[in-house]
């Protein structure tokens, strides 16, 4: 198992333990875009994501704030977190804390809507589970690794997209620092992979 895949599996397991979207979870109330804009500013996001044409360290604000799915945005946060962590560390800025309630509002500001996420493709979600190397460390329905928890047993703790996004975000500093120390590439989610994976994990009896 490559170090990158092992890191990805551990990140996934840690976030799942903290909470992720799942079957039967209560729907989150719509977020408030104005409050989300305040979160965006107060959590230092505006330091790097500035309007197009201005000089910024990260993607332009227009690229970040656009119509998108809520799970799609969590995948983008997952992918971009190591670079954000490194940039803030170089600037001497502490990693911002974002609660689940604040993530709901932030998603509203960034125009992320769960209704824009497609229904999960369960077979493809199973492919993602295997291709990301999750089963090297985790088991699923008692099959797989034993380093982390059985992912099937975490389905009762799964929650809506903003809660999942906040859980992933909270674990990023430790995982990103580990990636830097061992010099591995952080695993990425593309397209609907996040939606499909989580759909598969919460499927079945």
C-alpha atoms as a PDB file:
ATOM      1  CA  UNK A   1       0.000   0.000   0.000  1.00  0.00           C
ATOM      2  CA  UNK A   2       1.427   3.396  -0.962  1.00  0.00           C
ATOM      3  CA  UNK A   3       1.885   6.070   1.749  1.00  0.00           C
ATOM      4  CA  UNK A   4      -0.589   8.328  -0.113  1.00  0.00           C
ATOM      5  CA  UNK A   5      -3.329   5.710  -0.041  1.00  0.00           C
ATOM      6  CA  UNK A   6      -2.627   4.883   3.587  1.00  0.00           C
ATOM      7  CA  UNK A   7      -2.906   8.557   4.492  1.00  0.00           C
ATOM      8  CA  UNK A   8      -6.152   8.870   2.554  1.00  0.00           C
ATOM      9  CA  UNK A   9      -7.624   5.879   4.341  1.00  0.00           C
ATOM     10  CA  UNK A  10      -6.722   7.279   7.738  1.00  0.00           C
ATOM     11  CA  UNK A  11      -8.166  10.705   6.868  1.00  0.00           C
ATOM     12  CA  UNK A  12     -11.403   9.071   5.754  1.00  0.00           C
ATOM     13  CA  UNK A  13     -11.655   6.976   8.882  1.00  0.00           C
ATOM     14  CA  UNK A  14     -10.987   9.929  11.177  1.00  0.00           C
ATOM     15  CA  UNK A  15     -13.608  12.035   9.462  1.00  0.00           C
ATOM     16  CA  UNK A  16     -16.137   9.222   9.516  1.00  0.00           C
ATOM     17  CA  UNK A  17     -15.614   8.824  13.236  1.00  0.00           C
ATOM     18  CA  UNK A  18     -16.347  12.532  13.657  1.00  0.00           C
ATOM     19  CA  UNK A  19     -19.486  12.429  11.529  1.00  0.00           C
ATOM     20  CA  UNK A  20     -20.514  12.264   7.876  1.00  0.00           C
ATOM     21  CA  UNK A  21     -23.668  12.367   5.774  1.00  0.00           C
ATOM     22  CA  UNK A  22     -25.899   9.372   6.138  1.00  0.00           C
ATOM     23  CA  UNK A  23     -29.213   7.628   5.820  1.00  0.00           C
ATOM     24  CA  UNK A  24     -32.003   8.910   7.974  1.00  0.00           C
ATOM     25  CA  UNK A  25     -30.118  11.987   9.151  1.00  0.00           C
ATOM     26  CA  UNK A  26     -32.247  15.078   9.678  1.00  0.00           C
ATOM     27  CA  UNK A  27     -31.994  17.567   6.849  1.00  0.00           C
ATOM     28  CA  UNK A  28     -30.058  20.702   7.703  1.00  0.00           C
ATOM     29  CA  UNK A  29     -31.882  24.014   7.612  1.00  0.00           C
ATOM     30  CA  UNK A  30     -30.869  26.256   4.718  1.00  0.00           C
ATOM     31  CA  UNK A  31     -27.783  28.311   5.446  1.00  0.00           C
ATOM     32  CA  UNK A  32     -27.607  32.086   5.517  1.00  0.00           C
ATOM     33  CA  UNK A  33     -25.354  33.497   2.802  1.00  0.00           C
ATOM     34  CA  UNK A  34     -24.750  36.760   4.680  1.00  0.00           C
ATOM     35  CA  UNK A  35     -23.551  34.886   7.744  1.00  0.00           C
ATOM     36  CA  UNK A  36     -21.539  32.648   5.443  1.00  0.00           C
ATOM     37  CA  UNK A  37     -19.805  35.686   3.983  1.00  0.00           C
ATOM     38  CA  UNK A  38     -18.822  36.688   7.514  1.00  0.00           C
ATOM     39  CA  UNK A  39     -17.435  33.189   8.095  1.00  0.00           C
ATOM     40  CA  UNK A  40     -15.496  33.451   4.829  1.00  0.00           C
ATOM     41  CA  UNK A  41     -13.930  36.730   5.980  1.00  0.00           C
ATOM     42  CA  UNK A  42     -13.374  35.911   9.658  1.00  0.00           C
ATOM     43  CA  UNK A  43     -11.768  32.533   8.922  1.00  0.00           C
ATOM     44  CA  UNK A  44      -9.155  34.175   6.667  1.00  0.00           C
ATOM     45  CA  UNK A  45     -10.539  32.657   3.447  1.00  0.00           C
ATOM     46  CA  UNK A  46     -10.580  36.122   1.852  1.00  0.00           C
ATOM     47  CA  UNK A  47      -6.815  36.416   2.346  1.00  0.00           C
ATOM     48  CA  UNK A  48      -6.213  33.989  -0.512  1.00  0.00           C
ATOM     49  CA  UNK A  49      -9.470  33.929  -2.481  1.00  0.00           C
ATOM     50  CA  UNK A  50      -9.916  37.401  -3.928  1.00  0.00           C
ATOM     51  CA  UNK A  51     -11.990  38.617  -6.905  1.00  0.00           C
ATOM     52  CA  UNK A  52     -10.630  37.757 -10.330  1.00  0.00           C
ATOM     53  CA  UNK A  53      -8.084  40.309 -11.509  1.00  0.00           C
ATOM     54  CA  UNK A  54      -6.660  40.872  -8.046  1.00  0.00           C
ATOM     55  CA  UNK A  55      -3.554  39.144  -6.803  1.00  0.00           C
ATOM     56  CA  UNK A  56      -4.325  36.249  -4.502  1.00  0.00           C
ATOM     57  CA  UNK A  57      -2.617  33.055  -3.379  1.00  0.00           C
ATOM     58  CA  UNK A  58      -5.560  30.759  -4.117  1.00  0.00           C
ATOM     59  CA  UNK A  59      -8.158  30.286  -6.830  1.00  0.00           C
ATOM     60  CA  UNK A  60     -10.186  33.406  -7.610  1.00  0.00           C
ATOM     61  CA  UNK A  61     -13.295  34.008  -5.545  1.00  0.00           C
ATOM     62  CA  UNK A  62     -15.446  33.435  -8.618  1.00  0.00           C
ATOM     63  CA  UNK A  63     -14.013  29.926  -8.991  1.00  0.00           C
ATOM     64  CA  UNK A  64     -14.720  29.081  -5.368  1.00  0.00           C
ATOM     65  CA  UNK A  65     -18.123  30.755  -5.177  1.00  0.00           C
ATOM     66  CA  UNK A  66     -20.205  29.238  -7.941  1.00  0.00           C
ATOM     67  CA  UNK A  67     -23.206  26.929  -8.305  1.00  0.00           C
ATOM     68  CA  UNK A  68     -22.093  23.507  -7.080  1.00  0.00           C
ATOM     69  CA  UNK A  69     -23.220  20.525  -5.050  1.00  0.00           C
ATOM     70  CA  UNK A  70     -22.657  20.488  -1.299  1.00  0.00           C
ATOM     71  CA  UNK A  71     -20.795  17.175  -1.408  1.00  0.00           C
ATOM     72  CA  UNK A  72     -18.921  18.466  -4.442  1.00  0.00           C
ATOM     73  CA  UNK A  73     -17.694  21.357  -2.309  1.00  0.00           C
ATOM     74  CA  UNK A  74     -16.612  19.024   0.502  1.00  0.00           C
ATOM     75  CA  UNK A  75     -14.560  17.125  -2.057  1.00  0.00           C
ATOM     76  CA  UNK A  76     -12.948  20.353  -3.192  1.00  0.00           C
ATOM     77  CA  UNK A  77     -12.196  21.295   0.429  1.00  0.00           C
ATOM     78  CA  UNK A  78     -10.628  17.867   0.949  1.00  0.00           C
ATOM     79  CA  UNK A  79      -8.486  18.250  -2.166  1.00  0.00           C
ATOM     80  CA  UNK A  80      -7.356  21.797  -1.497  1.00  0.00           C
ATOM     81  CA  UNK A  81      -6.828  21.570   2.271  1.00  0.00           C
ATOM     82  CA  UNK A  82      -3.103  20.631   2.269  1.00  0.00           C
ATOM     83  CA  UNK A  83      -2.207  23.640   0.100  1.00  0.00           C
ATOM     84  CA  UNK A  84      -4.342  25.919   2.267  1.00  0.00           C
ATOM     85  CA  UNK A  85      -2.773  24.526   5.432  1.00  0.00           C
ATOM     86  CA  UNK A  86       0.742  25.109   4.077  1.00  0.00           C
ATOM     87  CA  UNK A  87      -0.058  28.657   2.929  1.00  0.00           C
ATOM     88  CA  UNK A  88      -1.579  29.657   6.262  1.00  0.00           C
ATOM     89  CA  UNK A  89       1.304  28.099   8.177  1.00  0.00           C
ATOM     90  CA  UNK A  90       3.790  30.119   6.115  1.00  0.00           C
ATOM     91  CA  UNK A  91       1.791  33.248   6.903  1.00  0.00           C
ATOM     92  CA  UNK A  92       1.755  32.403  10.594  1.00  0.00           C
ATOM     93  CA  UNK A  93      -2.036  32.089  10.595  1.00  0.00           C
ATOM     94  CA  UNK A  94      -3.678  29.472  12.792  1.00  0.00           C
ATOM     95  CA  UNK A  95      -5.825  26.874  11.026  1.00  0.00           C
ATOM     96  CA  UNK A  96      -9.386  28.267  11.170  1.00  0.00           C
ATOM     97  CA  UNK A  97     -12.038  26.337  13.063  1.00  0.00           C
ATOM     98  CA  UNK A  98     -15.368  25.938  11.298  1.00  0.00           C
ATOM     99  CA  UNK A  99     -18.313  24.403  13.100  1.00  0.00           C
ATOM    100  CA  UNK A 100     -21.027  22.443  11.343  1.00  0.00           C
ATOM    101  CA  UNK A 101     -23.452  25.353  11.764  1.00  0.00           C
ATOM    102  CA  UNK A 102     -20.907  27.746  10.266  1.00  0.00           C
ATOM    103  CA  UNK A 103     -20.256  25.313   7.426  1.00  0.00           C
ATOM    104  CA  UNK A 104     -23.969  25.398   6.559  1.00  0.00           C
ATOM    105  CA  UNK A 105     -23.771  29.174   6.185  1.00  0.00           C
ATOM    106  CA  UNK A 106     -20.429  29.045   4.380  1.00  0.00           C
ATOM    107  CA  UNK A 107     -21.889  26.606   1.868  1.00  0.00           C
ATOM    108  CA  UNK A 108     -24.790  28.983   1.297  1.00  0.00           C
ATOM    109  CA  UNK A 109     -22.359  31.825   0.589  1.00  0.00           C
ATOM    110  CA  UNK A 110     -20.319  29.628  -1.751  1.00  0.00           C
ATOM    111  CA  UNK A 111     -23.560  28.622  -3.540  1.00  0.00           C
ATOM    112  CA  UNK A 112     -23.210  24.943  -2.641  1.00  0.00           C
ATOM    113  CA  UNK A 113     -26.578  23.192  -2.588  1.00  0.00           C
ATOM    114  CA  UNK A 114     -27.205  19.504  -1.760  1.00  0.00           C
ATOM    115  CA  UNK A 115     -29.905  19.507  -4.427  1.00  0.00           C
ATOM    116  CA  UNK A 116     -27.186  19.929  -7.046  1.00  0.00           C
ATOM    117  CA  UNK A 117     -25.468  16.718  -5.989  1.00  0.00           C
ATOM    118  CA  UNK A 118     -26.534  13.700  -8.068  1.00  0.00           C
ATOM    119  CA  UNK A 119     -27.895  10.525  -6.474  1.00  0.00           C
ATOM    120  CA  UNK A 120     -24.984   8.299  -5.451  1.00  0.00           C
ATOM    121  CA  UNK A 121     -23.910   5.538  -7.822  1.00  0.00           C
ATOM    122  CA  UNK A 122     -23.331   2.658  -5.416  1.00  0.00           C
ATOM    123  CA  UNK A 123     -21.219   0.415  -7.695  1.00  0.00           C
ATOM    124  CA  UNK A 124     -18.957   3.355  -8.452  1.00  0.00           C
ATOM    125  CA  UNK A 125     -18.805   4.136  -4.753  1.00  0.00           C
ATOM    126  CA  UNK A 126     -17.535   0.621  -4.127  1.00  0.00           C
ATOM    127  CA  UNK A 127     -14.861   1.184  -6.763  1.00  0.00           C
ATOM    128  CA  UNK A 128     -13.799   4.376  -4.997  1.00  0.00           C
ATOM    129  CA  UNK A 129     -13.602   2.532  -1.670  1.00  0.00           C
ATOM    130  CA  UNK A 130     -11.171   0.039  -3.185  1.00  0.00           C
ATOM    131  CA  UNK A 131      -9.220   2.351  -5.491  1.00  0.00           C
ATOM    132  CA  UNK A 132      -8.411   4.847  -2.732  1.00  0.00           C
ATOM    133  CA  UNK A 133      -6.904   2.047  -0.674  1.00  0.00           C
ATOM    134  CA  UNK A 134      -9.396   2.437   2.195  1.00  0.00           C
ATOM    135  CA  UNK A 135      -9.618  -1.308   2.781  1.00  0.00           C
ATOM    136  CA  UNK A 136      -5.907  -1.558   3.397  1.00  0.00           C
ATOM    137  CA  UNK A 137      -6.482   0.065   6.799  1.00  0.00           C
ATOM    138  CA  UNK A 138     -10.231  -0.227   7.322  1.00  0.00           C
ATOM    139  CA  UNK A 139     -12.654  -3.097   7.074  1.00  0.00           C
ATOM    140  CA  UNK A 140     -16.099  -2.826   5.541  1.00  0.00           C
ATOM    141  CA  UNK A 141     -18.612  -5.351   6.821  1.00  0.00           C
ATOM    142  CA  UNK A 142     -15.767  -7.230   8.519  1.00  0.00           C
ATOM    143  CA  UNK A 143     -13.638  -7.505   5.373  1.00  0.00           C
ATOM    144  CA  UNK A 144     -10.423  -5.572   4.925  1.00  0.00           C
ATOM    145  CA  UNK A 145      -7.810  -4.039   7.186  1.00  0.00           C
ATOM    146  CA  UNK A 146      -7.830  -3.753  10.961  1.00  0.00           C
ATOM    147  CA  UNK A 147      -5.909  -0.521  11.523  1.00  0.00           C
ATOM    148  CA  UNK A 148      -9.003   1.679  11.557  1.00  0.00           C
ATOM    149  CA  UNK A 149     -12.671   1.068  12.421  1.00  0.00           C
ATOM    150  CA  UNK A 150     -15.101  -0.886  10.269  1.00  0.00           C
ATOM    151  CA  UNK A 151     -16.643   1.755   8.034  1.00  0.00           C
ATOM    152  CA  UNK A 152     -20.008  -0.026   7.921  1.00  0.00           C
ATOM    153  CA  UNK A 153     -20.325   0.392  11.677  1.00  0.00           C
ATOM    154  CA  UNK A 154     -20.104   4.180  11.337  1.00  0.00           C
ATOM    155  CA  UNK A 155     -23.253   4.549   9.236  1.00  0.00           C
ATOM    156  CA  UNK A 156     -25.409   5.529  12.220  1.00  0.00           C
ATOM    157  CA  UNK A 157     -23.148   8.546  12.781  1.00  0.00           C
ATOM    158  CA  UNK A 158     -23.332   9.804   9.212  1.00  0.00           C
ATOM    159  CA  UNK A 159     -24.817  13.282   8.809  1.00  0.00           C
ATOM    160  CA  UNK A 160     -25.602  15.931   6.106  1.00  0.00           C
ATOM    161  CA  UNK A 161     -23.003  17.519   3.857  1.00  0.00           C
ATOM    162  CA  UNK A 162     -22.137  20.484   6.077  1.00  0.00           C
ATOM    163  CA  UNK A 163     -21.480  18.234   9.080  1.00  0.00           C
ATOM    164  CA  UNK A 164     -19.323  15.989   6.922  1.00  0.00           C
ATOM    165  CA  UNK A 165     -17.458  18.997   5.549  1.00  0.00           C
ATOM    166  CA  UNK A 166     -16.829  20.382   9.044  1.00  0.00           C
ATOM    167  CA  UNK A 167     -15.562  16.996  10.252  1.00  0.00           C
ATOM    168  CA  UNK A 168     -13.154  16.652   7.330  1.00  0.00           C
ATOM    169  CA  UNK A 169     -11.999  20.239   7.803  1.00  0.00           C
ATOM    170  CA  UNK A 170     -11.333  19.752  11.511  1.00  0.00           C
ATOM    171  CA  UNK A 171      -8.996  16.815  10.866  1.00  0.00           C
ATOM    172  CA  UNK A 172      -7.063  18.452   8.039  1.00  0.00           C
ATOM    173  CA  UNK A 173      -4.180  20.084   9.994  1.00  0.00           C
ATOM    174  CA  UNK A 174      -2.962  16.810  11.504  1.00  0.00           C
ATOM    175  CA  UNK A 175      -3.352  14.873   8.280  1.00  0.00           C
ATOM    176  CA  UNK A 176      -1.833  17.563   6.084  1.00  0.00           C
ATOM    177  CA  UNK A 177       1.126  17.857   8.447  1.00  0.00           C
ATOM    178  CA  UNK A 178       1.601  14.094   8.272  1.00  0.00           C
ATOM    179  CA  UNK A 179       1.586  14.259   4.481  1.00  0.00           C
ATOM    180  CA  UNK A 180       4.252  16.958   4.537  1.00  0.00           C
ATOM    181  CA  UNK A 181       6.440  15.002   6.968  1.00  0.00           C
ATOM    182  CA  UNK A 182       6.453  11.812   4.916  1.00  0.00           C
ATOM    183  CA  UNK A 183       6.458  13.602   1.553  1.00  0.00           C
ATOM    184  CA  UNK A 184       3.412  11.925   0.036  1.00  0.00           C
ATOM    185  CA  UNK A 185       0.769  13.207  -2.328  1.00  0.00           C
ATOM    186  CA  UNK A 186      -2.601  13.815  -0.747  1.00  0.00           C
ATOM    187  CA  UNK A 187      -5.329  11.639  -2.331  1.00  0.00           C
ATOM    188  CA  UNK A 188      -7.892  13.510  -4.400  1.00  0.00           C
ATOM    189  CA  UNK A 189     -11.602  13.108  -5.050  1.00  0.00           C
ATOM    190  CA  UNK A 190     -12.797  13.957  -8.536  1.00  0.00           C
ATOM    191  CA  UNK A 191     -16.287  14.573  -9.861  1.00  0.00           C
ATOM    192  CA  UNK A 192     -18.916  12.602  -7.962  1.00  0.00           C
ATOM    193  CA  UNK A 193     -16.484  10.270  -6.176  1.00  0.00           C
ATOM    194  CA  UNK A 194     -17.258  11.700  -2.735  1.00  0.00           C
ATOM    195  CA  UNK A 195     -21.012  11.374  -3.278  1.00  0.00           C
ATOM    196  CA  UNK A 196     -20.678   7.841  -4.589  1.00  0.00           C
ATOM    197  CA  UNK A 197     -18.356   6.685  -1.803  1.00  0.00           C
ATOM    198  CA  UNK A 198     -20.546   7.992   0.992  1.00  0.00           C
ATOM    199  CA  UNK A 199     -23.629   6.579  -0.681  1.00  0.00           C
ATOM    200  CA  UNK A 200     -22.037   3.160  -0.814  1.00  0.00           C
ATOM    201  CA  UNK A 201     -20.837   3.320   2.795  1.00  0.00           C
ATOM    202  CA  UNK A 202     -24.331   3.997   4.059  1.00  0.00           C
ATOM    203  CA  UNK A 203     -26.024   1.428   1.834  1.00  0.00           C
ATOM    204  CA  UNK A 204     -27.178  -2.062   2.731  1.00  0.00           C
ATOM    205  CA  UNK A 205     -28.938  -3.519   5.769  1.00  0.00           C
END
